[in-house]
PDB file of N, CA and C in Angstrom:
ATOM      1  N   MET A   1     152.503 112.667  71.459  1.00  0.00           N
ATOM      2  CA  MET A   1     151.906 112.482  72.560  1.00  0.00           C
ATOM      3  C   MET A   1     152.231 113.563  73.785  1.00  0.00           C
ATOM      4  N   ARG A   2     153.644 113.524  73.599  1.00  0.00           N
ATOM      5  CA  ARG A   2     154.263 114.772  74.830  1.00  0.00           C
ATOM      6  C   ARG A   2     153.331 115.923  74.959  1.00  0.00           C
ATOM      7  N   GLY A   3     152.919 116.481  74.108  1.00  0.00           N
ATOM      8  CA  GLY A   3     152.565 118.057  73.849  1.00  0.00           C
ATOM      9  C   GLY A   3     151.210 117.831  74.443  1.00  0.00           C
ATOM     10  N   MET A   4     150.500 116.505  74.833  1.00  0.00           N
ATOM     11  CA  MET A   4     149.322 116.698  75.447  1.00  0.00           C
ATOM     12  C   MET A   4     149.289 116.581  76.922  1.00  0.00           C
ATOM     13  N   GLY A   5     150.938 115.928  77.316  1.00  0.00           N
ATOM     14  CA  GLY A   5     150.936 115.994  78.742  1.00  0.00           C
ATOM     15  C   GLY A   5     151.004 117.539  78.805  1.00  0.00           C
ATOM     16  N   ASN A   6     151.729 118.106  78.617  1.00  0.00           N
ATOM     17  CA  ASN A   6     152.134 119.500  78.853  1.00  0.00           C
ATOM     18  C   ASN A   6     150.940 120.312  79.100  1.00  0.00           C
ATOM     19  N   MET A   7     149.757 119.820  78.032  1.00  0.00           N
ATOM     20  CA  MET A   7     148.466 120.768  77.690  1.00  0.00           C
ATOM     21  C   MET A   7     147.456 120.201  79.247  1.00  0.00           C
ATOM     22  N   GLN A   8     148.071 119.229  78.904  1.00  0.00           N
ATOM     23  CA  GLN A   8     147.051 118.622  80.638  1.00  0.00           C
ATOM     24  C   GLN A   8     147.207 119.251  81.971  1.00  0.00           C
ATOM     25  N   GLY A   9     148.701 119.404  82.002  1.00  0.00           N
ATOM     26  CA  GLY A   9     149.869 119.915  82.945  1.00  0.00           C
ATOM     27  C   GLY A   9     149.023 121.275  83.496  1.00  0.00           C
ATOM     28  N   MET A  10     149.357 122.320  82.006  1.00  0.00           N
ATOM     29  CA  MET A  10     148.581 123.743  81.937  1.00  0.00           C
ATOM     30  C   MET A  10     147.405 123.899  82.694  1.00  0.00           C
ATOM     31  N   MET A  11     146.303 123.021  81.911  1.00  0.00           N
ATOM     32  CA  MET A  11     144.817 123.250  81.916  1.00  0.00           C
ATOM     33  C   MET A  11     145.001 122.595  83.614  1.00  0.00           C
ATOM     34  N   LYS A  12     145.928 122.247  84.591  1.00  0.00           N
ATOM     35  CA  LYS A  12     145.518 121.817  85.866  1.00  0.00           C
ATOM     36  C   LYS A  12     146.035 123.051  86.539  1.00  0.00           C
ATOM     37  N   LYS A  13     147.106 123.838  86.189  1.00  0.00           N
ATOM     38  CA  LYS A  13     147.713 124.958  86.735  1.00  0.00           C
ATOM     39  C   LYS A  13     146.524 126.295  86.412  1.00  0.00           C
ATOM     40  N   MET A  14     145.752 126.162  85.425  1.00  0.00           N
ATOM     41  CA  MET A  14     144.447 126.696  84.850  1.00  0.00           C
ATOM     42  C   MET A  14     143.501 127.016  85.897  1.00  0.00           C
ATOM     43  N   GLN A  15     143.340 125.648  86.146  1.00  0.00           N
ATOM     44  CA  GLN A  15     142.016 125.280  87.133  1.00  0.00           C
ATOM     45  C   GLN A  15     142.346 125.680  88.486  1.00  0.00           C
ATOM     46  N   LYS A  16     143.758 125.689  88.571  1.00  0.00           N
ATOM     47  CA  LYS A  16     143.866 125.779  90.448  1.00  0.00           C
ATOM     48  C   LYS A  16     144.190 127.481  90.426  1.00  0.00           C
ATOM     49  N   MET A  17     144.489 128.009  89.272  1.00  0.00           N
ATOM     50  CA  MET A  17     144.799 129.524  89.257  1.00  0.00           C
ATOM     51  C   MET A  17     143.258 130.278  89.733  1.00  0.00           C
ATOM     52  N   GLN A  18     142.307 129.938  88.485  1.00  0.00           N
ATOM     53  CA  GLN A  18     141.073 129.996  88.361  1.00  0.00           C
ATOM     54  C   GLN A  18     140.460 130.243  90.194  1.00  0.00           C
ATOM     55  N   LYS A  19     140.708 128.683  91.004  1.00  0.00           N
ATOM     56  CA  LYS A  19     140.097 128.477  91.888  1.00  0.00           C
ATOM     57  C   LYS A  19     140.909 129.619  92.908  1.00  0.00           C
ATOM     58  N   GLU A  20     142.039 129.982  92.699  1.00  0.00           N
ATOM     59  CA  GLU A  20     142.528 130.967  93.585  1.00  0.00           C
ATOM     60  C   GLU A  20     142.122 132.257  93.656  1.00  0.00           C
ATOM     61  N   MET A  21     141.642 132.398  92.391  1.00  0.00           N
ATOM     62  CA  MET A  21     141.400 133.935  91.967  1.00  0.00           C
ATOM     63  C   MET A  21     140.152 133.672  92.635  1.00  0.00           C
ATOM     64  N   MET A  22     138.873 132.916  92.407  1.00  0.00           N
ATOM     65  CA  MET A  22     138.002 133.565  93.126  1.00  0.00           C
ATOM     66  C   MET A  22     137.089 133.192  94.504  1.00  0.00           C
ATOM     67  N   GLU A  23     138.907 132.359  95.317  1.00  0.00           N
ATOM     68  CA  GLU A  23     138.387 132.419  96.616  1.00  0.00           C
ATOM     69  C   GLU A  23     139.470 134.017  96.886  1.00  0.00           C
ATOM     70  N   ALA A  24     140.316 134.745  96.091  1.00  0.00           N
ATOM     71  CA  ALA A  24     140.451 135.860  96.625  1.00  0.00           C
ATOM     72  C   ALA A  24     139.820 136.596  96.240  1.00  0.00           C
ATOM     73  N   GLN A  25     139.053 136.727  95.726  1.00  0.00           N
ATOM     74  CA  GLN A  25     138.079 137.343  95.372  1.00  0.00           C
ATOM     75  C   GLN A  25     136.696 137.299  96.525  1.00  0.00           C
ATOM     76  N   GLU A  26     136.274 136.208  96.625  1.00  0.00           N
ATOM     77  CA  GLU A  26     135.171 136.352  97.888  1.00  0.00           C
ATOM     78  C   GLU A  26     135.987 136.838  98.987  1.00  0.00           C
ATOM     79  N   ALA A  27     136.867 136.647  99.389  1.00  0.00           N
ATOM     80  CA  ALA A  27     137.505 137.435 100.236  1.00  0.00           C
ATOM     81  C   ALA A  27     137.649 139.278 100.555  1.00  0.00           C
ATOM     82  N   LEU A  28     137.766 139.377  99.835  1.00  0.00           N
ATOM     83  CA  LEU A  28     137.340 140.705  98.951  1.00  0.00           C
ATOM     84  C   LEU A  28     136.565 141.382  99.602  1.00  0.00           C
ATOM     85  N   ASN A  29     135.739 140.500  98.486  1.00  0.00           N
ATOM     86  CA  ASN A  29     134.187 140.994  98.824  1.00  0.00           C
ATOM     87  C   ASN A  29     133.559 140.710 100.016  1.00  0.00           C
ATOM     88  N   ALA A  30     134.109 139.876 101.096  1.00  0.00           N
ATOM     89  CA  ALA A  30     133.854 140.059 102.082  1.00  0.00           C
ATOM     90  C   ALA A  30     134.136 141.090 103.044  1.00  0.00           C
ATOM     91  N   GLU A  31     135.309 141.946 102.865  1.00  0.00           N
ATOM     92  CA  GLU A  31     135.962 142.550 103.366  1.00  0.00           C
ATOM     93  C   GLU A  31     135.801 144.312 103.529  1.00  0.00           C
ATOM     94  N   GLN A  32     135.568 145.061 104.358  1.00  0.00           N
ATOM     95  CA  GLN A  32     134.870 146.303 104.601  1.00  0.00           C
ATOM     96  C   GLN A  32     135.985 147.151 104.426  1.00  0.00           C
ATOM     97  N   PHE A  33     135.964 148.457 103.885  1.00  0.00           N
ATOM     98  CA  PHE A  33     137.184 149.556 103.790  1.00  0.00           C
ATOM     99  C   PHE A  33     136.282 150.947 104.392  1.00  0.00           C
ATOM    100  N   GLU A  34     136.793 151.531 105.046  1.00  0.00           N
ATOM    101  CA  GLU A  34     136.639 152.908 105.962  1.00  0.00           C
ATOM    102  C   GLU A  34     137.381 154.272 105.160  1.00  0.00           C
ATOM    103  N   GLY A  35     136.774 154.852 104.915  1.00  0.00           N
ATOM    104  CA  GLY A  35     136.837 156.205 104.409  1.00  0.00           C
ATOM    105  C   GLY A  35     136.528 157.205 105.361  1.00  0.00           C
ATOM    106  N   THR A  36     137.528 158.348 105.984  1.00  0.00           N
ATOM    107  CA  THR A  36     137.166 159.624 106.682  1.00  0.00           C
ATOM    108  C   THR A  36     137.196 161.166 106.194  1.00  0.00           C
ATOM    109  N   ALA A  37     136.475 161.544 106.548  1.00  0.00           N
ATOM    110  CA  ALA A  37     136.445 163.350 106.165  1.00  0.00           C
ATOM    111  C   ALA A  37     136.561 164.147 107.241  1.00  0.00           C
ATOM    112  N   GLY A  38     136.673 165.119 107.044  1.00  0.00           N
ATOM    113  CA  GLY A  38     136.605 166.087 108.336  1.00  0.00           C
ATOM    114  C   GLY A  38     137.073 165.931 109.883  1.00  0.00           C
ATOM    115  N   GLY A  39     138.062 165.090 110.029  1.00  0.00           N
ATOM    116  CA  GLY A  39     138.996 164.697 110.863  1.00  0.00           C
ATOM    117  C   GLY A  39     138.827 163.000 111.711  1.00  0.00           C
ATOM    118  N   GLY A  40     138.139 162.460 110.915  1.00  0.00           N
ATOM    119  CA  GLY A  40     136.942 161.438 111.182  1.00  0.00           C
ATOM    120  C   GLY A  40     135.363 161.879 111.447  1.00  0.00           C
ATOM    121  N   MET A  41     135.073 162.974 111.534  1.00  0.00           N
ATOM    122  CA  MET A  41     133.745 163.510 111.892  1.00  0.00           C
ATOM    123  C   MET A  41     132.664 162.729 110.713  1.00  0.00           C
ATOM    124  N   VAL A  42     133.007 162.393 109.720  1.00  0.00           N
ATOM    125  CA  VAL A  42     132.357 161.458 108.812  1.00  0.00           C
ATOM    126  C   VAL A  42     133.287 160.032 108.034  1.00  0.00           C
ATOM    127  N   LYS A  43     132.639 159.163 108.492  1.00  0.00           N
ATOM    128  CA  LYS A  43     132.864 158.368 108.017  1.00  0.00           C
ATOM    129  C   LYS A  43     131.823 157.118 107.423  1.00  0.00           C
ATOM    130  N   VAL A  44     132.339 156.457 106.222  1.00  0.00           N
ATOM    131  CA  VAL A  44     131.775 155.625 104.785  1.00  0.00           C
ATOM    132  C   VAL A  44     132.559 154.570 105.045  1.00  0.00           C
ATOM    133  N   ILE A  45     131.633 153.650 105.139  1.00  0.00           N
ATOM    134  CA  ILE A  45     131.938 152.052 105.061  1.00  0.00           C
ATOM    135  C   ILE A  45     131.324 151.556 104.002  1.00  0.00           C
ATOM    136  N   VAL A  46     132.282 150.658 103.189  1.00  0.00           N
ATOM    137  CA  VAL A  46     132.383 150.394 102.090  1.00  0.00           C
ATOM    138  C   VAL A  46     132.716 148.953 101.281  1.00  0.00           C
ATOM    139  N   SER A  47     131.891 147.623 101.349  1.00  0.00           N
ATOM    140  CA  SER A  47     132.173 146.689 100.977  1.00  0.00           C
ATOM    141  C   SER A  47     132.922 146.330  99.943  1.00  0.00           C
ATOM    142  N   GLY A  48     133.865 145.647  99.763  1.00  0.00           N
ATOM    143  CA  GLY A  48     134.786 145.408  99.029  1.00  0.00           C
ATOM    144  C   GLY A  48     134.128 144.818  97.271  1.00  0.00           C
ATOM    145  N   GLN A  49     132.792 144.656  97.313  1.00  0.00           N
ATOM    146  CA  GLN A  49     131.746 144.790  96.478  1.00  0.00           C
ATOM    147  C   GLN A  49     131.371 146.360  95.518  1.00  0.00           C
ATOM    148  N   ARG A  50     132.124 147.281  96.410  1.00  0.00           N
ATOM    149  CA  ARG A  50     131.707 148.715  96.095  1.00  0.00           C
ATOM    150  C   ARG A  50     130.320 149.422  96.779  1.00  0.00           C
ATOM    151  N   GLU A  51     129.862 148.542  97.778  1.00  0.00           N
ATOM    152  CA  GLU A  51     128.663 149.162  97.761  1.00  0.00           C
ATOM    153  C   GLU A  51     128.445 149.574  98.841  1.00  0.00           C
ATOM    154  N   VAL A  52     128.253 150.966  99.153  1.00  0.00           N
ATOM    155  CA  VAL A  52     128.042 151.374 100.926  1.00  0.00           C
ATOM    156  C   VAL A  52     127.138 150.963 102.032  1.00  0.00           C
ATOM    157  N   VAL A  53     127.849 150.361 102.949  1.00  0.00           N
ATOM    158  CA  VAL A  53     127.398 149.777 103.474  1.00  0.00           C
ATOM    159  C   VAL A  53     127.010 150.404 105.016  1.00  0.00           C
ATOM    160  N   GLU A  54     127.740 151.386 105.624  1.00  0.00           N
ATOM    161  CA  GLU A  54     127.093 152.358 106.230  1.00  0.00           C
ATOM    162  C   GLU A  54     127.880 153.959 106.444  1.00  0.00           C
ATOM    163  N   VAL A  55     127.357 155.160 106.709  1.00  0.00           N
ATOM    164  CA  VAL A  55     127.690 155.755 106.869  1.00  0.00           C
ATOM    165  C   VAL A  55     127.370 156.575 108.459  1.00  0.00           C
ATOM    166  N   ASN A  56     128.473 157.139 109.167  1.00  0.00           N
ATOM    167  CA  ASN A  56     128.022 157.287 110.850  1.00  0.00           C
ATOM    168  C   ASN A  56     129.021 158.871 110.497  1.00  0.00           C
ATOM    169  N   LEU A  57     127.866 159.887 111.074  1.00  0.00           N
ATOM    170  CA  LEU A  57     128.313 161.202 111.141  1.00  0.00           C
ATOM    171  C   LEU A  57     128.403 161.782 112.545  1.00  0.00           C
ATOM    172  N   ASP A  58     129.023 162.306 113.320  1.00  0.00           N
ATOM    173  CA  ASP A  58     129.530 163.211 114.403  1.00  0.00           C
ATOM    174  C   ASP A  58     128.704 164.339 114.342  1.00  0.00           C
ATOM    175  N   GLU A  59     127.886 164.589 115.273  1.00  0.00           N
ATOM    176  CA  GLU A  59     126.579 165.034 115.923  1.00  0.00           C
ATOM    177  C   GLU A  59     127.020 166.530 115.755  1.00  0.00           C
ATOM    178  N   SER A  60     128.384 166.539 115.892  1.00  0.00           N
ATOM    179  CA  SER A  60     128.748 168.293 115.373  1.00  0.00           C
ATOM    180  C   SER A  60     128.969 168.274 114.059  1.00  0.00           C
ATOM    181  N   VAL A  61     128.833 167.792 113.274  1.00  0.00           N
ATOM    182  CA  VAL A  61     129.310 168.320 111.757  1.00  0.00           C
ATOM    183  C   VAL A  61     127.887 168.411 110.889  1.00  0.00           C
ATOM    184  N   VAL A  62     126.707 168.191 111.709  1.00  0.00           N
ATOM    185  CA  VAL A  62     124.967 168.668 111.130  1.00  0.00           C
ATOM    186  C   VAL A  62     124.815 169.632 111.291  1.00  0.00           C
ATOM    187  N   ASP A  63     125.197 170.609 110.573  1.00  0.00           N
ATOM    188  CA  ASP A  63     124.790 172.072 110.302  1.00  0.00           C
ATOM    189  C   ASP A  63     123.514 172.713 109.372  1.00  0.00           C
ATOM    190  N   PRO A  64     122.449 172.136 109.749  1.00  0.00           N
ATOM    191  CA  PRO A  64     121.216 173.055 109.034  1.00  0.00           C
ATOM    192  C   PRO A  64     121.850 174.139 108.280  1.00  0.00           C
ATOM    193  N   GLU A  65     122.754 174.568 108.636  1.00  0.00           N
ATOM    194  CA  GLU A  65     122.756 176.269 107.986  1.00  0.00           C
ATOM    195  C   GLU A  65     124.195 175.547 106.574  1.00  0.00           C
ATOM    196  N   ASP A  66     124.566 174.723 106.853  1.00  0.00           N
ATOM    197  CA  ASP A  66     125.837 174.433 105.891  1.00  0.00           C
ATOM    198  C   ASP A  66     125.344 172.963 105.236  1.00  0.00           C
ATOM    199  N   ILE A  67     124.558 172.525 104.517  1.00  0.00           N
ATOM    200  CA  ILE A  67     124.085 171.185 104.092  1.00  0.00           C
ATOM    201  C   ILE A  67     125.258 171.123 103.541  1.00  0.00           C
ATOM    202  N   GLU A  68     125.347 172.053 102.090  1.00  0.00           N
ATOM    203  CA  GLU A  68     126.749 171.595 101.332  1.00  0.00           C
ATOM    204  C   GLU A  68     128.416 171.446 101.807  1.00  0.00           C
ATOM    205  N   MET A  69     128.657 171.667 102.813  1.00  0.00           N
ATOM    206  CA  MET A  69     129.354 171.104 103.435  1.00  0.00           C
ATOM    207  C   MET A  69     129.431 169.612 103.654  1.00  0.00           C
ATOM    208  N   LEU A  70     128.440 169.389 104.666  1.00  0.00           N
ATOM    209  CA  LEU A  70     128.210 168.122 104.841  1.00  0.00           C
ATOM    210  C   LEU A  70     127.989 167.120 103.610  1.00  0.00           C
ATOM    211  N   GLN A  71     127.836 167.330 102.716  1.00  0.00           N
ATOM    212  CA  GLN A  71     127.350 166.522 101.526  1.00  0.00           C
ATOM    213  C   GLN A  71     129.066 166.832 100.428  1.00  0.00           C
ATOM    214  N   ASP A  72     129.584 167.398 100.710  1.00  0.00           N
ATOM    215  CA  ASP A  72     131.238 167.673 100.582  1.00  0.00           C
ATOM    216  C   ASP A  72     131.736 166.630 101.360  1.00  0.00           C
ATOM    217  N   LEU A  73     131.656 166.691 102.659  1.00  0.00           N
ATOM    218  CA  LEU A  73     132.731 165.335 103.228  1.00  0.00           C
ATOM    219  C   LEU A  73     131.880 163.772 103.127  1.00  0.00           C
ATOM    220  N   ILE A  74     131.073 163.729 103.188  1.00  0.00           N
ATOM    221  CA  ILE A  74     130.106 162.205 102.664  1.00  0.00           C
ATOM    222  C   ILE A  74     130.680 161.573 101.140  1.00  0.00           C
ATOM    223  N   VAL A  75     130.553 163.144 100.253  1.00  0.00           N
ATOM    224  CA  VAL A  75     131.890 162.199  98.971  1.00  0.00           C
ATOM    225  C   VAL A  75     132.754 162.097  99.055  1.00  0.00           C
ATOM    226  N   ILE A  76     134.121 162.953 100.010  1.00  0.00           N
ATOM    227  CA  ILE A  76     134.895 162.843 100.393  1.00  0.00           C
ATOM    228  C   ILE A  76     135.547 161.708 100.697  1.00  0.00           C
ATOM    229  N   ALA A  77     134.671 161.134 101.897  1.00  0.00           N
ATOM    230  CA  ALA A  77     134.676 159.670 102.469  1.00  0.00           C
ATOM    231  C   ALA A  77     134.132 158.399 101.483  1.00  0.00           C
ATOM    232  N   THR A  78     133.231 158.633 101.047  1.00  0.00           N
ATOM    233  CA  THR A  78     133.348 157.668 100.142  1.00  0.00           C
ATOM    234  C   THR A  78     134.109 157.483  99.333  1.00  0.00           C
ATOM    235  N   ASN A  79     134.502 158.537  98.623  1.00  0.00           N
ATOM    236  CA  ASN A  79     135.797 158.347  97.357  1.00  0.00           C
ATOM    237  C   ASN A  79     136.816 157.687  98.105  1.00  0.00           C
ATOM    238  N   GLU A  80     137.026 157.970  99.293  1.00  0.00           N
ATOM    239  CA  GLU A  80     138.491 157.697  99.793  1.00  0.00           C
ATOM    240  C   GLU A  80     138.791 156.034 100.245  1.00  0.00           C
ATOM    241  N   ALA A  81     137.011 156.014 100.840  1.00  0.00           N
ATOM    242  CA  ALA A  81     136.679 154.161 101.126  1.00  0.00           C
ATOM    243  C   ALA A  81     136.648 153.130  99.413  1.00  0.00           C
ATOM    244  N   LEU A  82     136.332 154.196  98.598  1.00  0.00           N
ATOM    245  CA  LEU A  82     136.378 153.505  97.292  1.00  0.00           C
ATOM    246  C   LEU A  82     138.012 153.149  96.826  1.00  0.00           C
ATOM    247  N   LYS A  83     138.572 154.387  97.234  1.00  0.00           N
ATOM    248  CA  LYS A  83     140.167 154.003  96.377  1.00  0.00           C
ATOM    249  C   LYS A  83     140.537 152.871  97.455  1.00  0.00           C
ATOM    250  N   LYS A  84     140.571 152.801  98.395  1.00  0.00           N
ATOM    251  CA  LYS A  84     140.679 151.480  99.257  1.00  0.00           C
ATOM    252  C   LYS A  84     140.305 150.479  99.011  1.00  0.00           C
ATOM    253  N   VAL A  85     139.236 150.331  98.515  1.00  0.00           N
ATOM    254  CA  VAL A  85     138.992 149.094  97.426  1.00  0.00           C
ATOM    255  C   VAL A  85     139.725 148.793  96.426  1.00  0.00           C
ATOM    256  N   GLU A  86     139.690 149.705  95.608  1.00  0.00           N
ATOM    257  CA  GLU A  86     140.438 149.670  94.546  1.00  0.00           C
ATOM    258  C   GLU A  86     141.644 148.933  94.655  1.00  0.00           C
ATOM    259  N   GLU A  87     142.458 149.604  95.091  1.00  0.00           N
ATOM    260  CA  GLU A  87     144.331 149.596  95.789  1.00  0.00           C
ATOM    261  C   GLU A  87     143.983 148.004  96.159  1.00  0.00           C
ATOM    262  N   LYS A  88     143.049 147.761  97.136  1.00  0.00           N
ATOM    263  CA  LYS A  88     143.769 146.415  97.875  1.00  0.00           C
ATOM    264  C   LYS A  88     143.122 145.271  96.371  1.00  0.00           C
ATOM    265  N   THR A  89     142.015 146.122  95.611  1.00  0.00           N
ATOM    266  CA  THR A  89     141.562 144.557  94.592  1.00  0.00           C
ATOM    267  C   THR A  89     142.780 144.551  93.672  1.00  0.00           C
ATOM    268  N   ASN A  90     143.571 145.651  93.132  1.00  0.00           N
ATOM    269  CA  ASN A  90     144.649 145.407  92.248  1.00  0.00           C
ATOM    270  C   ASN A  90     145.788 144.848  92.931  1.00  0.00           C
ATOM    271  N   SER A  91     146.106 145.338  94.198  1.00  0.00           N
ATOM    272  CA  SER A  91     147.290 144.335  94.990  1.00  0.00           C
ATOM    273  C   SER A  91     146.690 142.854  95.068  1.00  0.00           C
ATOM    274  N   THR A  92     145.507 142.898  95.360  1.00  0.00           N
ATOM    275  CA  THR A  92     145.387 140.774  95.833  1.00  0.00           C
ATOM    276  C   THR A  92     144.778 140.326  93.986  1.00  0.00           C
ATOM    277  N   MET A  93     144.239 141.382  93.513  1.00  0.00           N
ATOM    278  CA  MET A  93     144.156 140.330  91.460  1.00  0.00           C
ATOM    279  C   MET A  93     145.038 140.370  91.072  1.00  0.00           C
ATOM    280  N   GLY A  94     145.831 141.462  90.956  1.00  0.00           N
ATOM    281  CA  GLY A  94     146.921 141.554  89.976  1.00  0.00           C
ATOM    282  C   GLY A  94     148.021 140.680  90.180  1.00  0.00           C
ATOM    283  N   LYS A  95     148.169 140.169  91.767  1.00  0.00           N
ATOM    284  CA  LYS A  95     149.241 138.941  91.441  1.00  0.00           C
ATOM    285  C   LYS A  95     148.609 137.823  90.552  1.00  0.00           C
ATOM    286  N   PHE A  96     147.426 137.636  89.960  1.00  0.00           N
ATOM    287  CA  PHE A  96     147.191 136.620  89.300  1.00  0.00           C
ATOM    288  C   PHE A  96     147.521 137.272  87.731  1.00  0.00           C
ATOM    289  N   THR A  97     147.505 138.380  87.099  1.00  0.00           N
ATOM    290  CA  THR A  97     147.618 138.493  85.629  1.00  0.00           C
ATOM    291  C   THR A  97     148.945 139.073  85.393  1.00  0.00           C
ATOM    292  N   GLN A  98     149.695 139.003  86.353  1.00  0.00           N
ATOM    293  CA  GLN A  98     151.295 139.301  86.278  1.00  0.00           C
ATOM    294  C   GLN A  98     151.769 138.985  85.447  1.00  0.00           C
ATOM    295  N   GLY A  99     152.201 139.397  84.446  1.00  0.00           N
ATOM    296  CA  GLY A  99     152.571 138.889  82.690  1.00  0.00           C
ATOM    297  C   GLY A  99     152.370 137.965  82.359  1.00  0.00           C
ATOM    298  N   LEU A 100     150.838 138.361  81.967  1.00  0.00           N
ATOM    299  CA  LEU A 100     150.036 137.671  81.083  1.00  0.00           C
ATOM    300  C   LEU A 100     149.880 138.928  80.177  1.00  0.00           C
ATOM    301  N   ASN A 101     149.690 139.494  79.910  1.00  0.00           N
ATOM    302  CA  ASN A 101     149.887 140.824  79.243  1.00  0.00           C
ATOM    303  C   ASN A 101     149.151 141.179  78.357  1.00  0.00           C
ATOM    304  N   LEU A 102     147.745 141.254  79.187  1.00  0.00           N
ATOM    305  CA  LEU A 102     146.427 141.067  79.281  1.00  0.00           C
ATOM    306  C   LEU A 102     145.831 143.289  78.963  1.00  0.00           C
ATOM    307  N   PRO A 103     145.133 142.903  77.985  1.00  0.00           N
ATOM    308  CA  PRO A 103     144.638 144.469  77.285  1.00  0.00           C
ATOM    309  C   PRO A 103     143.625 144.773  78.779  1.00  0.00           C
ATOM    310  N   PHE A 104     143.595 145.732  78.955  1.00  0.00           N
ATOM    311  CA  PHE A 104     142.792 146.862  80.053  1.00  0.00           C
ATOM    312  C   PHE A 104     142.087 147.507  79.172  1.00  0.00           C
TER     313      PHE A 104
END
């Protein structure tokens, strides 16, 4: 019967870890991440769920003669914000999977 006690203890630990993971994911999803380009003239805000929430453009970066530059700046700022989300996700959620040797 000793093995059952260990199993129950392990199940309780797993349930606790699952709850903590869900709480961490919810907090991460509620966070917002900012990416910038062009010295801050283009700002993109992305949620922890990787959704673009806001795009802010300084008037000086809007040049009808050079739309390609503006497009490039938006892409750069968006990718920077998404990279920040990924880094935060890895650091936040990675602590739950350390040592578990899970395949990715």
